[in-house]
PDB file of all heavy atoms in Angstrom:
ATOM      1  N   GLU A   1     -74.699 107.194  -7.364  1.00  0.00           N
ATOM      2  CA  GLU A   1     -73.260 107.326  -7.281  1.00  0.00           C
ATOM      3  C   GLU A   1     -72.907 108.813  -6.893  1.00  0.00           C
ATOM      4  O   GLU A   1     -73.574 109.786  -7.394  1.00  0.00           O
ATOM      5  CB  GLU A   1     -72.668 107.119  -8.721  1.00  0.00           C
ATOM      6  CG  GLU A   1     -71.200 107.319  -8.730  1.00  0.00           C
ATOM      7  CD  GLU A   1     -70.668 107.175 -10.172  1.00  0.00           C
ATOM      8  OE1 GLU A   1     -71.192 106.171 -10.874  1.00  0.00           O
ATOM      9  OE2 GLU A   1     -69.861 107.932 -10.678  1.00  0.00           O
ATOM     10  N   LYS A   2     -72.007 108.937  -5.954  1.00  0.00           N
ATOM     11  CA  LYS A   2     -71.643 110.302  -5.425  1.00  0.00           C
ATOM     12  C   LYS A   2     -70.350 110.736  -6.251  1.00  0.00           C
ATOM     13  O   LYS A   2     -69.457 109.897  -6.452  1.00  0.00           O
ATOM     14  CB  LYS A   2     -71.321 110.240  -3.983  1.00  0.00           C
ATOM     15  CG  LYS A   2     -72.524 109.914  -3.097  1.00  0.00           C
ATOM     16  CD  LYS A   2     -73.494 111.097  -3.003  1.00  0.00           C
ATOM     17  CE  LYS A   2     -74.577 110.812  -2.071  1.00  0.00           C
ATOM     18  NZ  LYS A   2     -75.494 111.860  -1.910  1.00  0.00           N
ATOM     19  N   ILE A   3     -70.320 112.020  -6.516  1.00  0.00           N
ATOM     20  CA  ILE A   3     -69.137 112.615  -7.193  1.00  0.00           C
ATOM     21  C   ILE A   3     -68.510 113.509  -6.146  1.00  0.00           C
ATOM     22  O   ILE A   3     -69.202 114.377  -5.442  1.00  0.00           O
ATOM     23  CB  ILE A   3     -69.536 113.414  -8.394  1.00  0.00           C
ATOM     24  CG1 ILE A   3     -70.123 112.473  -9.465  1.00  0.00           C
ATOM     25  CG2 ILE A   3     -68.411 114.209  -8.985  1.00  0.00           C
ATOM     26  CD1 ILE A   3     -70.628 113.162 -10.682  1.00  0.00           C
ATOM     27  N   GLU A   4     -67.185 113.453  -6.015  1.00  0.00           N
ATOM     28  CA  GLU A   4     -66.419 114.342  -5.137  1.00  0.00           C
ATOM     29  C   GLU A   4     -65.770 115.519  -5.969  1.00  0.00           C
ATOM     30  O   GLU A   4     -65.158 115.247  -6.983  1.00  0.00           O
ATOM     31  CB  GLU A   4     -65.340 113.589  -4.352  1.00  0.00           C
ATOM     32  CG  GLU A   4     -65.875 112.561  -3.444  1.00  0.00           C
ATOM     33  CD  GLU A   4     -64.743 111.839  -2.755  1.00  0.00           C
ATOM     34  OE1 GLU A   4     -63.552 112.069  -2.992  1.00  0.00           O
ATOM     35  OE2 GLU A   4     -65.072 110.920  -1.910  1.00  0.00           O
ATOM     36  N   SER A   5     -66.050 116.742  -5.522  1.00  0.00           N
ATOM     37  CA  SER A   5     -65.477 117.886  -6.215  1.00  0.00           C
ATOM     38  C   SER A   5     -64.526 118.573  -5.149  1.00  0.00           C
ATOM     39  O   SER A   5     -64.955 119.031  -4.127  1.00  0.00           O
ATOM     40  CB  SER A   5     -66.552 118.869  -6.571  1.00  0.00           C
ATOM     41  OG  SER A   5     -67.426 118.282  -7.509  1.00  0.00           O
ATOM     42  N   PRO A   6     -63.183 118.475  -5.456  1.00  0.00           N
ATOM     43  CA  PRO A   6     -62.228 119.002  -4.516  1.00  0.00           C
ATOM     44  C   PRO A   6     -62.348 120.530  -4.282  1.00  0.00           C
ATOM     45  O   PRO A   6     -62.685 121.328  -5.239  1.00  0.00           O
ATOM     46  CB  PRO A   6     -60.879 118.782  -5.297  1.00  0.00           C
ATOM     47  CG  PRO A   6     -61.211 117.751  -6.297  1.00  0.00           C
ATOM     48  CD  PRO A   6     -62.583 117.983  -6.685  1.00  0.00           C
ATOM     49  N   ILE A   7     -62.145 120.978  -3.083  1.00  0.00           N
ATOM     50  CA  ILE A   7     -62.207 122.348  -2.670  1.00  0.00           C
ATOM     51  C   ILE A   7     -60.857 122.925  -2.250  1.00  0.00           C
ATOM     52  O   ILE A   7     -60.407 123.948  -2.684  1.00  0.00           O
ATOM     53  CB  ILE A   7     -63.237 122.516  -1.519  1.00  0.00           C
ATOM     54  CG1 ILE A   7     -64.660 122.229  -2.030  1.00  0.00           C
ATOM     55  CG2 ILE A   7     -63.203 123.985  -0.951  1.00  0.00           C
ATOM     56  CD1 ILE A   7     -65.694 122.118  -0.937  1.00  0.00           C
ATOM     57  N   ALA A   8     -60.199 122.172  -1.331  1.00  0.00           N
ATOM     58  CA  ALA A   8     -58.973 122.708  -0.762  1.00  0.00           C
ATOM     59  C   ALA A   8     -58.099 121.505  -0.440  1.00  0.00           C
ATOM     60  O   ALA A   8     -58.570 120.419  -0.186  1.00  0.00           O
ATOM     61  CB  ALA A   8     -59.159 123.550   0.437  1.00  0.00           C
ATOM     62  N   ARG A   9     -56.744 121.781  -0.434  1.00  0.00           N
ATOM     63  CA  ARG A   9     -55.801 120.678  -0.136  1.00  0.00           C
ATOM     64  C   ARG A   9     -54.646 121.257   0.704  1.00  0.00           C
ATOM     65  O   ARG A   9     -54.261 122.386   0.369  1.00  0.00           O
ATOM     66  CB  ARG A   9     -55.288 120.121  -1.424  1.00  0.00           C
ATOM     67  CG  ARG A   9     -54.330 119.000  -1.293  1.00  0.00           C
ATOM     68  CD  ARG A   9     -54.013 118.368  -2.671  1.00  0.00           C
ATOM     69  NE  ARG A   9     -53.181 117.226  -2.511  1.00  0.00           N
ATOM     70  CZ  ARG A   9     -52.015 116.992  -3.083  1.00  0.00           C
ATOM     71  NH1 ARG A   9     -51.477 117.990  -3.777  1.00  0.00           N
ATOM     72  NH2 ARG A   9     -51.341 115.860  -2.890  1.00  0.00           N
ATOM     73  N   ALA A  10     -54.138 120.530   1.605  1.00  0.00           N
ATOM     74  CA  ALA A  10     -52.966 120.890   2.355  1.00  0.00           C
ATOM     75  C   ALA A  10     -52.031 119.656   2.465  1.00  0.00           C
ATOM     76  O   ALA A  10     -52.447 118.539   2.657  1.00  0.00           O
ATOM     77  CB  ALA A  10     -53.273 121.421   3.717  1.00  0.00           C
ATOM     78  N   LYS A  11     -50.710 119.979   2.291  1.00  0.00           N
ATOM     79  CA  LYS A  11     -49.747 118.836   2.323  1.00  0.00           C
ATOM     80  C   LYS A  11     -48.692 119.268   3.414  1.00  0.00           C
ATOM     81  O   LYS A  11     -48.124 120.372   3.317  1.00  0.00           O
ATOM     82  CB  LYS A  11     -49.107 118.614   1.002  1.00  0.00           C
ATOM     83  CG  LYS A  11     -48.087 117.492   0.989  1.00  0.00           C
ATOM     84  CD  LYS A  11     -47.538 117.163  -0.268  1.00  0.00           C
ATOM     85  CE  LYS A  11     -46.605 115.957  -0.141  1.00  0.00           C
ATOM     86  NZ  LYS A  11     -45.918 115.682  -1.365  1.00  0.00           N
ATOM     87  N   TYR A  12     -48.463 118.357   4.346  1.00  0.00           N
ATOM     88  CA  TYR A  12     -47.504 118.617   5.423  1.00  0.00           C
ATOM     89  C   TYR A  12     -46.090 118.321   4.909  1.00  0.00           C
ATOM     90  O   TYR A  12     -45.845 117.290   4.374  1.00  0.00           O
ATOM     91  CB  TYR A  12     -47.798 117.772   6.670  1.00  0.00           C
ATOM     92  CG  TYR A  12     -46.926 118.109   7.791  1.00  0.00           C
ATOM     93  CD1 TYR A  12     -46.982 119.333   8.449  1.00  0.00           C
ATOM     94  CD2 TYR A  12     -46.018 117.149   8.235  1.00  0.00           C
ATOM     95  CE1 TYR A  12     -46.157 119.602   9.498  1.00  0.00           C
ATOM     96  CE2 TYR A  12     -45.162 117.432   9.317  1.00  0.00           C
ATOM     97  CZ  TYR A  12     -45.259 118.680   9.959  1.00  0.00           C
ATOM     98  OH  TYR A  12     -44.462 118.958  11.039  1.00  0.00           O
ATOM     99  N   VAL A  13     -45.202 119.318   5.107  1.00  0.00           N
ATOM    100  CA  VAL A  13     -43.802 119.091   4.745  1.00  0.00           C
ATOM    101  C   VAL A  13     -43.007 118.969   6.061  1.00  0.00           C
ATOM    102  O   VAL A  13     -42.773 119.927   6.738  1.00  0.00           O
ATOM    103  CB  VAL A  13     -43.238 120.389   3.952  1.00  0.00           C
ATOM    104  CG1 VAL A  13     -41.852 120.144   3.559  1.00  0.00           C
ATOM    105  CG2 VAL A  13     -44.119 120.573   2.734  1.00  0.00           C
ATOM    106  N   LYS A  14     -42.763 117.740   6.336  1.00  0.00           N
ATOM    107  CA  LYS A  14     -42.183 117.316   7.617  1.00  0.00           C
ATOM    108  C   LYS A  14     -40.809 117.980   7.867  1.00  0.00           C
ATOM    109  O   LYS A  14     -40.556 118.514   8.968  1.00  0.00           O
ATOM    110  CB  LYS A  14     -42.057 115.810   7.626  1.00  0.00           C
ATOM    111  CG  LYS A  14     -41.777 115.243   8.971  1.00  0.00           C
ATOM    112  CD  LYS A  14     -41.694 113.732   8.912  1.00  0.00           C
ATOM    113  CE  LYS A  14     -41.913 113.085  10.281  1.00  0.00           C
ATOM    114  NZ  LYS A  14     -42.002 111.646  10.125  1.00  0.00           N
ATOM    115  N   SER A  15     -39.980 118.104   6.852  1.00  0.00           N
ATOM    116  CA  SER A  15     -38.638 118.673   7.042  1.00  0.00           C
ATOM    117  C   SER A  15     -38.663 120.130   7.427  1.00  0.00           C
ATOM    118  O   SER A  15     -37.718 120.664   8.045  1.00  0.00           O
ATOM    119  CB  SER A  15     -37.821 118.534   5.736  1.00  0.00           C
ATOM    120  OG  SER A  15     -38.417 119.256   4.699  1.00  0.00           O
ATOM    121  N   ARG A  16     -39.749 120.855   7.074  1.00  0.00           N
ATOM    122  CA  ARG A  16     -39.892 122.272   7.401  1.00  0.00           C
ATOM    123  C   ARG A  16     -41.001 122.549   8.448  1.00  0.00           C
ATOM    124  O   ARG A  16     -41.190 123.687   8.784  1.00  0.00           O
ATOM    125  CB  ARG A  16     -40.099 123.080   6.123  1.00  0.00           C
ATOM    126  CG  ARG A  16     -38.902 122.903   5.207  1.00  0.00           C
ATOM    127  CD  ARG A  16     -39.003 123.715   3.889  1.00  0.00           C
ATOM    128  NE  ARG A  16     -39.572 125.023   4.045  1.00  0.00           N
ATOM    129  CZ  ARG A  16     -40.584 125.400   3.370  1.00  0.00           C
ATOM    130  NH1 ARG A  16     -41.177 124.651   2.470  1.00  0.00           N
ATOM    131  NH2 ARG A  16     -41.069 126.624   3.444  1.00  0.00           N
ATOM    132  N   SER A  17     -41.733 121.545   8.762  1.00  0.00           N
ATOM    133  CA  SER A  17     -42.862 121.712   9.777  1.00  0.00           C
ATOM    134  C   SER A  17     -43.879 122.733   9.321  1.00  0.00           C
ATOM    135  O   SER A  17     -44.303 123.644  10.101  1.00  0.00           O
ATOM    136  CB  SER A  17     -42.354 121.973  11.172  1.00  0.00           C
ATOM    137  OG  SER A  17     -41.554 120.952  11.623  1.00  0.00           O
ATOM    138  N   VAL A  18     -44.279 122.700   8.053  1.00  0.00           N
ATOM    139  CA  VAL A  18     -45.256 123.584   7.486  1.00  0.00           C
ATOM    140  C   VAL A  18     -46.276 122.794   6.652  1.00  0.00           C
ATOM    141  O   VAL A  18     -46.038 121.646   6.204  1.00  0.00           O
ATOM    142  CB  VAL A  18     -44.642 124.710   6.583  1.00  0.00           C
ATOM    143  CG1 VAL A  18     -43.801 125.649   7.428  1.00  0.00           C
ATOM    144  CG2 VAL A  18     -43.954 124.148   5.393  1.00  0.00           C
ATOM    145  N   TRP A  19     -47.400 123.373   6.483  1.00  0.00           N
ATOM    146  CA  TRP A  19     -48.442 122.809   5.586  1.00  0.00           C
ATOM    147  C   TRP A  19     -48.500 123.708   4.329  1.00  0.00           C
ATOM    148  O   TRP A  19     -48.676 124.899   4.462  1.00  0.00           O
ATOM    149  CB  TRP A  19     -49.804 122.828   6.225  1.00  0.00           C
ATOM    150  CG  TRP A  19     -49.956 121.868   7.347  1.00  0.00           C
ATOM    151  CD1 TRP A  19     -49.562 122.075   8.631  1.00  0.00           C
ATOM    152  CD2 TRP A  19     -50.563 120.561   7.307  1.00  0.00           C
ATOM    153  NE1 TRP A  19     -49.928 120.963   9.393  1.00  0.00           N
ATOM    154  CE2 TRP A  19     -50.505 120.023   8.598  1.00  0.00           C
ATOM    155  CE3 TRP A  19     -51.120 119.795   6.240  1.00  0.00           C
ATOM    156  CZ2 TRP A  19     -50.958 118.775   8.854  1.00  0.00           C
ATOM    157  CZ3 TRP A  19     -51.536 118.567   6.542  1.00  0.00           C
ATOM    158  CH2 TRP A  19     -51.545 118.044   7.874  1.00  0.00           C
ATOM    159  N   LYS A  20     -48.322 123.107   3.144  1.00  0.00           N
ATOM    160  CA  LYS A  20     -48.499 123.846   1.920  1.00  0.00           C
ATOM    161  C   LYS A  20     -49.928 123.823   1.601  1.00  0.00           C
ATOM    162  O   LYS A  20     -50.679 122.791   1.672  1.00  0.00           O
ATOM    163  CB  LYS A  20     -47.678 123.178   0.778  1.00  0.00           C
ATOM    164  CG  LYS A  20     -46.186 123.372   0.986  1.00  0.00           C
ATOM    165  CD  LYS A  20     -45.470 122.959  -0.240  1.00  0.00           C
ATOM    166  CE  LYS A  20     -44.030 123.325  -0.132  1.00  0.00           C
ATOM    167  NZ  LYS A  20     -43.362 123.338  -1.486  1.00  0.00           N
ATOM    168  N   VAL A  21     -50.441 124.975   1.138  1.00  0.00           N
ATOM    169  CA  VAL A  21     -51.848 125.183   0.846  1.00  0.00           C
ATOM    170  C   VAL A  21     -52.121 125.212  -0.721  1.00  0.00           C
ATOM    171  O   VAL A  21     -51.418 125.916  -1.376  1.00  0.00           O
ATOM    172  CB  VAL A  21     -52.433 126.501   1.510  1.00  0.00           C
ATOM    173  CG1 VAL A  21     -53.858 126.716   1.254  1.00  0.00           C
ATOM    174  CG2 VAL A  21     -52.116 126.484   2.989  1.00  0.00           C
ATOM    175  N   TYR A  22     -53.144 124.512  -1.097  1.00  0.00           N
ATOM    176  CA  TYR A  22     -53.511 124.445  -2.547  1.00  0.00           C
ATOM    177  C   TYR A  22     -55.003 124.732  -2.722  1.00  0.00           C
ATOM    178  O   TYR A  22     -55.797 124.381  -1.844  1.00  0.00           O
ATOM    179  CB  TYR A  22     -53.122 123.069  -3.143  1.00  0.00           C
ATOM    180  CG  TYR A  22     -51.699 122.736  -3.061  1.00  0.00           C
ATOM    181  CD1 TYR A  22     -51.154 122.061  -1.965  1.00  0.00           C
ATOM    182  CD2 TYR A  22     -50.780 123.156  -4.019  1.00  0.00           C
ATOM    183  CE1 TYR A  22     -49.802 121.724  -1.801  1.00  0.00           C
ATOM    184  CE2 TYR A  22     -49.452 122.847  -3.943  1.00  0.00           C
ATOM    185  CZ  TYR A  22     -48.964 122.160  -2.874  1.00  0.00           C
ATOM    186  OH  TYR A  22     -47.631 121.871  -2.741  1.00  0.00           O
ATOM    187  N   TRP A  23     -55.366 125.197  -3.888  1.00  0.00           N
ATOM    188  CA  TRP A  23     -56.769 125.301  -4.311  1.00  0.00           C
ATOM    189  C   TRP A  23     -56.860 124.765  -5.717  1.00  0.00           C
ATOM    190  O   TRP A  23     -55.898 124.690  -6.497  1.00  0.00           O
ATOM    191  CB  TRP A  23     -57.276 126.707  -4.164  1.00  0.00           C
ATOM    192  CG  TRP A  23     -56.622 127.671  -5.144  1.00  0.00           C
ATOM    193  CD1 TRP A  23     -55.333 128.193  -5.087  1.00  0.00           C
ATOM    194  CD2 TRP A  23     -57.275 128.379  -6.169  1.00  0.00           C
ATOM    195  NE1 TRP A  23     -55.112 129.081  -6.096  1.00  0.00           N
ATOM    196  CE2 TRP A  23     -56.366 129.250  -6.765  1.00  0.00           C
ATOM    197  CE3 TRP A  23     -58.601 128.380  -6.685  1.00  0.00           C
ATOM    198  CZ2 TRP A  23     -56.599 130.109  -7.863  1.00  0.00           C
ATOM    199  CZ3 TRP A  23     -58.862 129.195  -7.755  1.00  0.00           C
ATOM    200  CH2 TRP A  23     -57.926 130.042  -8.356  1.00  0.00           C
ATOM    201  N   MET A  24     -58.075 124.309  -6.100  1.00  0.00           N
ATOM    202  CA  MET A  24     -58.269 123.714  -7.423  1.00  0.00           C
ATOM    203  C   MET A  24     -58.817 124.849  -8.365  1.00  0.00           C
ATOM    204  O   MET A  24     -59.909 125.354  -8.064  1.00  0.00           O
ATOM    205  CB  MET A  24     -59.180 122.558  -7.374  1.00  0.00           C
ATOM    206  CG  MET A  24     -59.481 122.023  -8.723  1.00  0.00           C
ATOM    207  SD  MET A  24     -59.576 120.236  -9.084  1.00  0.00           S
ATOM    208  CE  MET A  24     -58.361 119.509  -8.141  1.00  0.00           C
ATOM    209  N   ARG A  25     -58.123 125.045  -9.383  1.00  0.00           N
ATOM    210  CA  ARG A  25     -58.541 126.100 -10.371  1.00  0.00           C
ATOM    211  C   ARG A  25     -59.513 125.442 -11.397  1.00  0.00           C
ATOM    212  O   ARG A  25     -59.680 124.204 -11.414  1.00  0.00           O
ATOM    213  CB  ARG A  25     -57.349 126.674 -11.076  1.00  0.00           C
ATOM    214  CG  ARG A  25     -56.513 127.491 -10.146  1.00  0.00           C
ATOM    215  CD  ARG A  25     -55.502 128.262 -10.789  1.00  0.00           C
ATOM    216  NE  ARG A  25     -56.097 129.195 -11.756  1.00  0.00           N
ATOM    217  CZ  ARG A  25     -55.468 130.263 -12.290  1.00  0.00           C
ATOM    218  NH1 ARG A  25     -54.213 130.469 -11.885  1.00  0.00           N
ATOM    219  NH2 ARG A  25     -55.971 131.001 -13.086  1.00  0.00           N
ATOM    220  N   ALA A  26     -60.032 126.226 -12.328  1.00  0.00           N
ATOM    221  CA  ALA A  26     -60.968 125.705 -13.304  1.00  0.00           C
ATOM    222  C   ALA A  26     -60.244 124.685 -14.202  1.00  0.00           C
ATOM    223  O   ALA A  26     -60.941 123.924 -14.879  1.00  0.00           O
ATOM    224  CB  ALA A  26     -61.484 126.838 -14.139  1.00  0.00           C
ATOM    225  N   ASP A  27     -58.940 124.645 -14.322  1.00  0.00           N
ATOM    226  CA  ASP A  27     -58.237 123.734 -15.159  1.00  0.00           C
ATOM    227  C   ASP A  27     -58.191 122.300 -14.508  1.00  0.00           C
ATOM    228  O   ASP A  27     -57.578 121.396 -15.054  1.00  0.00           O
ATOM    229  CB  ASP A  27     -56.837 124.215 -15.521  1.00  0.00           C
ATOM    230  CG  ASP A  27     -55.891 124.329 -14.330  1.00  0.00           C
ATOM    231  OD1 ASP A  27     -56.271 124.015 -13.204  1.00  0.00           O
ATOM    232  OD2 ASP A  27     -54.739 124.825 -14.556  1.00  0.00           O
ATOM    233  N   LEU A  28     -58.778 122.192 -13.331  1.00  0.00           N
ATOM    234  CA  LEU A  28     -58.802 120.966 -12.508  1.00  0.00           C
ATOM    235  C   LEU A  28     -57.465 120.471 -12.060  1.00  0.00           C
ATOM    236  O   LEU A  28     -57.277 119.260 -11.796  1.00  0.00           O
ATOM    237  CB  LEU A  28     -59.585 119.838 -13.313  1.00  0.00           C
ATOM    238  CG  LEU A  28     -60.985 120.186 -13.723  1.00  0.00           C
ATOM    239  CD1 LEU A  28     -61.639 119.002 -14.469  1.00  0.00           C
ATOM    240  CD2 LEU A  28     -61.854 120.522 -12.509  1.00  0.00           C
ATOM    241  N   ASN A  29     -56.572 121.403 -11.890  1.00  0.00           N
ATOM    242  CA  ASN A  29     -55.245 121.071 -11.277  1.00  0.00           C
ATOM    243  C   ASN A  29     -55.128 121.879  -9.961  1.00  0.00           C
ATOM    244  O   ASN A  29     -55.648 122.954  -9.807  1.00  0.00           O
ATOM    245  CB  ASN A  29     -54.127 121.545 -12.215  1.00  0.00           C
ATOM    246  CG  ASN A  29     -54.087 120.620 -13.445  1.00  0.00           C
ATOM    247  OD1 ASN A  29     -54.075 119.388 -13.322  1.00  0.00           O
ATOM    248  ND2 ASN A  29     -54.077 121.194 -14.644  1.00  0.00           N
ATOM    249  N   TRP A  30     -54.396 121.296  -8.985  1.00  0.00           N
ATOM    250  CA  TRP A  30     -54.036 122.011  -7.815  1.00  0.00           C
ATOM    251  C   TRP A  30     -53.026 123.043  -8.072  1.00  0.00           C
ATOM    252  O   TRP A  30     -51.996 122.840  -8.716  1.00  0.00           O
ATOM    253  CB  TRP A  30     -53.531 121.014  -6.708  1.00  0.00           C
ATOM    254  CG  TRP A  30     -54.605 120.075  -6.205  1.00  0.00           C
ATOM    255  CD1 TRP A  30     -54.676 118.739  -6.519  1.00  0.00           C
ATOM    256  CD2 TRP A  30     -55.747 120.320  -5.471  1.00  0.00           C
ATOM    257  NE1 TRP A  30     -55.755 118.189  -5.890  1.00  0.00           N
ATOM    258  CE2 TRP A  30     -56.429 119.132  -5.232  1.00  0.00           C
ATOM    259  CE3 TRP A  30     -56.211 121.521  -4.866  1.00  0.00           C
ATOM    260  CZ2 TRP A  30     -57.600 119.129  -4.433  1.00  0.00           C
ATOM    261  CZ3 TRP A  30     -57.387 121.472  -4.058  1.00  0.00           C
ATOM    262  CH2 TRP A  30     -57.996 120.224  -3.863  1.00  0.00           C
ATOM    263  N   HIS A  31     -53.255 124.256  -7.484  1.00  0.00           N
ATOM    264  CA  HIS A  31     -52.313 125.392  -7.545  1.00  0.00           C
ATOM    265  C   HIS A  31     -52.047 125.898  -6.161  1.00  0.00           C
ATOM    266  O   HIS A  31     -52.913 125.900  -5.312  1.00  0.00           O
ATOM    267  CB  HIS A  31     -52.889 126.470  -8.437  1.00  0.00           C
ATOM    268  CG  HIS A  31     -53.123 126.055  -9.832  1.00  0.00           C
ATOM    269  ND1 HIS A  31     -52.170 126.258 -10.823  1.00  0.00           N
ATOM    270  CD2 HIS A  31     -54.182 125.489 -10.458  1.00  0.00           C
ATOM    271  CE1 HIS A  31     -52.630 125.791 -12.001  1.00  0.00           C
ATOM    272  NE2 HIS A  31     -53.855 125.356 -11.796  1.00  0.00           N
ATOM    273  N   PRO A  32     -50.774 126.354  -5.925  1.00  0.00           N
ATOM    274  CA  PRO A  32     -50.481 126.937  -4.656  1.00  0.00           C
ATOM    275  C   PRO A  32     -51.414 128.219  -4.411  1.00  0.00           C
ATOM    276  O   PRO A  32     -51.789 128.924  -5.295  1.00  0.00           O
ATOM    277  CB  PRO A  32     -49.095 127.471  -4.774  1.00  0.00           C
ATOM    278  CG  PRO A  32     -48.484 126.623  -5.893  1.00  0.00           C
ATOM    279  CD  PRO A  32     -49.663 126.368  -6.871  1.00  0.00           C
ATOM    280  N   TYR A  33     -51.892 128.295  -3.218  1.00  0.00           N
ATOM    281  CA  TYR A  33     -52.758 129.407  -2.805  1.00  0.00           C
ATOM    282  C   TYR A  33     -51.830 130.587  -2.509  1.00  0.00           C
ATOM    283  O   TYR A  33     -51.175 130.773  -1.462  1.00  0.00           O
ATOM    284  CB  TYR A  33     -53.545 129.012  -1.486  1.00  0.00           C
ATOM    285  CG  TYR A  33     -54.480 129.971  -0.943  1.00  0.00           C
ATOM    286  CD1 TYR A  33     -55.586 130.363  -1.720  1.00  0.00           C
ATOM    287  CD2 TYR A  33     -54.275 130.616   0.254  1.00  0.00           C
ATOM    288  CE1 TYR A  33     -56.526 131.278  -1.247  1.00  0.00           C
ATOM    289  CE2 TYR A  33     -55.209 131.541   0.754  1.00  0.00           C
ATOM    290  CZ  TYR A  33     -56.277 131.899  -0.004  1.00  0.00           C
ATOM    291  OH  TYR A  33     -57.208 132.831   0.465  1.00  0.00           O
ATOM    292  N   ASP A  34     -51.750 131.446  -3.536  1.00  0.00           N
ATOM    293  CA  ASP A  34     -50.749 132.530  -3.482  1.00  0.00           C
ATOM    294  C   ASP A  34     -50.899 133.524  -2.377  1.00  0.00           C
ATOM    295  O   ASP A  34     -49.942 134.008  -1.914  1.00  0.00           O
ATOM    296  CB  ASP A  34     -50.758 133.303  -4.891  1.00  0.00           C
ATOM    297  CG  ASP A  34     -49.949 132.452  -5.913  1.00  0.00           C
ATOM    298  OD1 ASP A  34     -49.001 131.775  -5.585  1.00  0.00           O
ATOM    299  OD2 ASP A  34     -50.351 132.543  -7.093  1.00  0.00           O
ATOM    300  N   PRO A  35     -52.103 133.793  -1.880  1.00  0.00           N
ATOM    301  CA  PRO A  35     -52.158 134.728  -0.703  1.00  0.00           C
ATOM    302  C   PRO A  35     -51.368 134.211   0.520  1.00  0.00           C
ATOM    303  O   PRO A  35     -50.885 134.983   1.269  1.00  0.00           O
ATOM    304  CB  PRO A  35     -53.680 134.866  -0.471  1.00  0.00           C
ATOM    305  CG  PRO A  35     -54.318 134.577  -1.767  1.00  0.00           C
ATOM    306  CD  PRO A  35     -53.467 133.545  -2.431  1.00  0.00           C
ATOM    307  N   GLN A  36     -51.394 132.832   0.615  1.00  0.00           N
ATOM    308  CA  GLN A  36     -50.608 132.238   1.724  1.00  0.00           C
ATOM    309  C   GLN A  36     -50.316 130.849   1.337  1.00  0.00           C
ATOM    310  O   GLN A  36     -51.059 129.933   1.623  1.00  0.00           O
ATOM    311  CB  GLN A  36     -51.375 132.389   3.051  1.00  0.00           C
ATOM    312  CG  GLN A  36     -50.561 132.047   4.211  1.00  0.00           C
ATOM    313  CD  GLN A  36     -51.227 132.496   5.527  1.00  0.00           C
ATOM    314  OE1 GLN A  36     -52.247 133.171   5.538  1.00  0.00           O
ATOM    315  NE2 GLN A  36     -50.662 132.040   6.639  1.00  0.00           N
ATOM    316  N   ARG A  37     -49.160 130.617   0.803  1.00  0.00           N
ATOM    317  CA  ARG A  37     -48.729 129.254   0.309  1.00  0.00           C
ATOM    318  C   ARG A  37     -48.504 128.297   1.394  1.00  0.00           C
ATOM    319  O   ARG A  37     -48.587 127.127   1.191  1.00  0.00           O
ATOM    320  CB  ARG A  37     -47.501 129.402  -0.611  1.00  0.00           C
ATOM    321  CG  ARG A  37     -47.796 130.067  -1.925  1.00  0.00           C
ATOM    322  CD  ARG A  37     -46.503 130.165  -2.750  1.00  0.00           C
ATOM    323  NE  ARG A  37     -46.859 130.582  -4.091  1.00  0.00           N
ATOM    324  CZ  ARG A  37     -46.352 129.989  -5.190  1.00  0.00           C
ATOM    325  NH1 ARG A  37     -45.579 128.979  -5.094  1.00  0.00           N
ATOM    326  NH2 ARG A  37     -46.758 130.444  -6.361  1.00  0.00           N
TER     327      ARG A  37
END
């Protein structure tokens, strides 16, 4: 069985034509990437 460990996530916001950037912290939740959200 393979386990997936998340590294990075981006979500496209169509209304603003931008990608929001996230990283997974040790609490296993996605957080905005503060250096460049």
